[in-house]
Every structure is written in C-alpha cells, then in structure tokens.
C-alpha cells in the first residue's frame, strides 16, 4: 500500500480558514447574476469587472469576516472558483 504524503502538511482550506485571496483578482462580469451596480466598474479595456477598492480587495468583500456580502448574486467566475482547488492554492501561495 502506498500513501500519498504530498499534502499532509498543508492545512485544510475551509470557510473558517479561507484567506479570500481570490477576492484580490480581477473578476470579469460575463453573465447576469444580479451583481448590484455599485460593485461593477468598467475596466480600462472596456469590459465590466467587479469593483475593487483602494486596498485592492473586491468591494463586495466584508473586510472583517472575509466573506462575500453579495454571495447569492456573486459573478459566475466567483461561483466557479472552487475553494481548495489548484487555482485557490496557487493564489494563497502567491499572497503569502
């Protein structure tokens, strides 16, 4: 029997341990999910994206809880970005 030990030292990523690193990425608005207008801005290249504040974080992120304040209306890309996925782990590593 072989045991995969590659991830034994990595802490489990859960809602309680999420660092919301993905909330610093530019998020394209590619479908209508009901994102409130105050969280949308036009990017330099002309597309609609989630607005980020001066601190670099998404305007819909609660800074204290690191939770989305518009979770039910979040953009499609946010819905597809899976917690604990390769992309998630890469963003966490890049931001440490």
C-alpha atoms as a PDB file:
ATOM      1  CA  UNK A   1       0.000   0.000   0.000  1.00  0.00           C
ATOM      2  CA  UNK A   2       1.300   3.456  -0.946  1.00  0.00           C
ATOM      3  CA  UNK A   3       0.302   6.585   0.981  1.00  0.00           C
ATOM      4  CA  UNK A   4       0.393   9.966  -0.768  1.00  0.00           C
ATOM      5  CA  UNK A   5       2.136  12.341   1.653  1.00  0.00           C
ATOM      6  CA  UNK A   6       2.381  15.361  -0.644  1.00  0.00           C
ATOM      7  CA  UNK A   7      -0.449  17.271   1.076  1.00  0.00           C
ATOM      8  CA  UNK A   8      -0.177  16.039   4.673  1.00  0.00           C
ATOM      9  CA  UNK A   9       1.483  19.254   5.885  1.00  0.00           C
ATOM     10  CA  UNK A  10      -0.962  21.615   4.151  1.00  0.00           C
ATOM     11  CA  UNK A  11      -3.754  22.913   6.380  1.00  0.00           C
ATOM     12  CA  UNK A  12      -7.264  22.121   5.197  1.00  0.00           C
ATOM     13  CA  UNK A  13      -8.901  25.028   3.406  1.00  0.00           C
ATOM     14  CA  UNK A  14     -12.384  25.701   4.788  1.00  0.00           C
ATOM     15  CA  UNK A  15     -14.658  28.720   5.111  1.00  0.00           C
ATOM     16  CA  UNK A  16     -13.077  29.308   8.532  1.00  0.00           C
ATOM     17  CA  UNK A  17      -9.501  29.259   7.173  1.00  0.00           C
ATOM     18  CA  UNK A  18     -10.118  30.964   3.843  1.00  0.00           C
ATOM     19  CA  UNK A  19      -7.887  33.980   3.278  1.00  0.00           C
ATOM     20  CA  UNK A  20     -10.074  35.316   0.437  1.00  0.00           C
ATOM     21  CA  UNK A  21      -7.033  35.640  -1.828  1.00  0.00           C
ATOM     22  CA  UNK A  22      -9.283  35.207  -4.857  1.00  0.00           C
ATOM     23  CA  UNK A  23     -11.056  38.427  -3.836  1.00  0.00           C
ATOM     24  CA  UNK A  24      -7.975  40.352  -4.948  1.00  0.00           C
ATOM     25  CA  UNK A  25      -8.193  39.073  -8.539  1.00  0.00           C
ATOM     26  CA  UNK A  26      -9.859  40.959 -11.366  1.00  0.00           C
ATOM     27  CA  UNK A  27     -13.259  39.329 -11.843  1.00  0.00           C
ATOM     28  CA  UNK A  28     -14.999  39.650 -15.189  1.00  0.00           C
ATOM     29  CA  UNK A  29     -18.760  40.021 -15.310  1.00  0.00           C
ATOM     30  CA  UNK A  30     -19.635  37.557 -18.082  1.00  0.00           C
ATOM     31  CA  UNK A  31     -23.261  36.806 -17.250  1.00  0.00           C
ATOM     32  CA  UNK A  32     -26.128  38.417 -15.393  1.00  0.00           C
ATOM     33  CA  UNK A  33     -26.235  37.018 -11.859  1.00  0.00           C
ATOM     34  CA  UNK A  34     -27.697  40.152 -10.299  1.00  0.00           C
ATOM     35  CA  UNK A  35     -24.467  41.787  -9.085  1.00  0.00           C
ATOM     36  CA  UNK A  36     -25.513  45.191  -7.688  1.00  0.00           C
ATOM     37  CA  UNK A  37     -24.350  48.105  -9.841  1.00  0.00           C
ATOM     38  CA  UNK A  38     -22.296  49.635  -7.009  1.00  0.00           C
ATOM     39  CA  UNK A  39     -19.945  46.637  -7.233  1.00  0.00           C
ATOM     40  CA  UNK A  40     -19.390  46.864 -11.012  1.00  0.00           C
ATOM     41  CA  UNK A  41     -16.958  49.089 -12.868  1.00  0.00           C
ATOM     42  CA  UNK A  42     -15.648  49.359 -16.403  1.00  0.00           C
ATOM     43  CA  UNK A  43     -12.104  48.076 -16.884  1.00  0.00           C
ATOM     44  CA  UNK A  44      -9.516  50.024 -18.899  1.00  0.00           C
ATOM     45  CA  UNK A  45     -10.116  47.662 -21.815  1.00  0.00           C
ATOM     46  CA  UNK A  46     -13.888  48.304 -21.767  1.00  0.00           C
ATOM     47  CA  UNK A  47     -15.325  45.173 -20.106  1.00  0.00           C
ATOM     48  CA  UNK A  48     -17.306  45.035 -16.889  1.00  0.00           C
ATOM     49  CA  UNK A  49     -15.469  43.800 -13.805  1.00  0.00           C
ATOM     50  CA  UNK A  50     -16.066  43.658 -10.075  1.00  0.00           C
ATOM     51  CA  UNK A  51     -15.019  46.930  -8.467  1.00  0.00           C
ATOM     52  CA  UNK A  52     -12.004  46.785  -6.204  1.00  0.00           C
ATOM     53  CA  UNK A  53     -11.373  49.392  -3.539  1.00  0.00           C
ATOM     54  CA  UNK A  54      -8.097  51.229  -2.885  1.00  0.00           C
ATOM     55  CA  UNK A  55      -6.888  48.339  -0.693  1.00  0.00           C
ATOM     56  CA  UNK A  56      -7.056  46.001  -3.719  1.00  0.00           C
ATOM     57  CA  UNK A  57      -9.892  43.838  -2.355  1.00  0.00           C
ATOM     58  CA  UNK A  58     -13.259  43.315  -4.046  1.00  0.00           C
ATOM     59  CA  UNK A  59     -15.813  45.911  -2.959  1.00  0.00           C
ATOM     60  CA  UNK A  60     -18.259  43.126  -2.025  1.00  0.00           C
ATOM     61  CA  UNK A  61     -15.895  41.534   0.496  1.00  0.00           C
ATOM     62  CA  UNK A  62     -16.577  42.098   4.186  1.00  0.00           C
ATOM     63  CA  UNK A  63     -13.098  43.047   5.435  1.00  0.00           C
ATOM     64  CA  UNK A  64     -13.660  41.647   8.941  1.00  0.00           C
ATOM     65  CA  UNK A  65     -15.197  38.257   8.142  1.00  0.00           C
ATOM     66  CA  UNK A  66     -13.563  37.765   4.699  1.00  0.00           C
ATOM     67  CA  UNK A  67     -16.999  36.715   3.427  1.00  0.00           C
ATOM     68  CA  UNK A  68     -18.864  37.892   0.347  1.00  0.00           C
ATOM     69  CA  UNK A  69     -21.657  40.347   1.091  1.00  0.00           C
ATOM     70  CA  UNK A  70     -23.430  39.516  -2.202  1.00  0.00           C
ATOM     71  CA  UNK A  71     -22.894  35.745  -2.137  1.00  0.00           C
ATOM     72  CA  UNK A  72     -26.263  34.913  -3.763  1.00  0.00           C
ATOM     73  CA  UNK A  73     -25.617  37.486  -6.549  1.00  0.00           C
ATOM     74  CA  UNK A  74     -21.860  36.889  -6.969  1.00  0.00           C
ATOM     75  CA  UNK A  75     -20.438  36.724 -10.508  1.00  0.00           C
ATOM     76  CA  UNK A  76     -20.273  33.468 -12.424  1.00  0.00           C
ATOM     77  CA  UNK A  77     -16.470  33.357 -12.154  1.00  0.00           C
ATOM     78  CA  UNK A  78     -16.687  33.547  -8.355  1.00  0.00           C
ATOM     79  CA  UNK A  79     -19.155  30.667  -8.409  1.00  0.00           C
ATOM     80  CA  UNK A  80     -16.735  28.580 -10.457  1.00  0.00           C
ATOM     81  CA  UNK A  81     -13.614  29.384  -8.384  1.00  0.00           C
ATOM     82  CA  UNK A  82     -13.544  26.359  -6.092  1.00  0.00           C
ATOM     83  CA  UNK A  83     -12.212  26.645  -2.555  1.00  0.00           C
ATOM     84  CA  UNK A  84      -9.206  24.349  -2.160  1.00  0.00           C
ATOM     85  CA  UNK A  85      -8.719  23.921  -5.915  1.00  0.00           C
ATOM     86  CA  UNK A  86      -5.332  24.182  -7.607  1.00  0.00           C
ATOM     87  CA  UNK A  87      -6.072  27.821  -8.523  1.00  0.00           C
ATOM     88  CA  UNK A  88      -7.079  28.606  -4.933  1.00  0.00           C
ATOM     89  CA  UNK A  89      -3.911  27.066  -3.522  1.00  0.00           C
ATOM     90  CA  UNK A  90      -1.792  28.927  -6.093  1.00  0.00           C
ATOM     91  CA  UNK A  91      -3.324  32.293  -5.111  1.00  0.00           C
ATOM     92  CA  UNK A  92      -2.806  31.524  -1.410  1.00  0.00           C
ATOM     93  CA  UNK A  93       0.853  30.634  -2.033  1.00  0.00           C
ATOM     94  CA  UNK A  94       1.433  33.743  -4.178  1.00  0.00           C
ATOM     95  CA  UNK A  95      -0.065  36.004  -1.470  1.00  0.00           C
ATOM     96  CA  UNK A  96       1.866  34.628   1.500  1.00  0.00           C
END
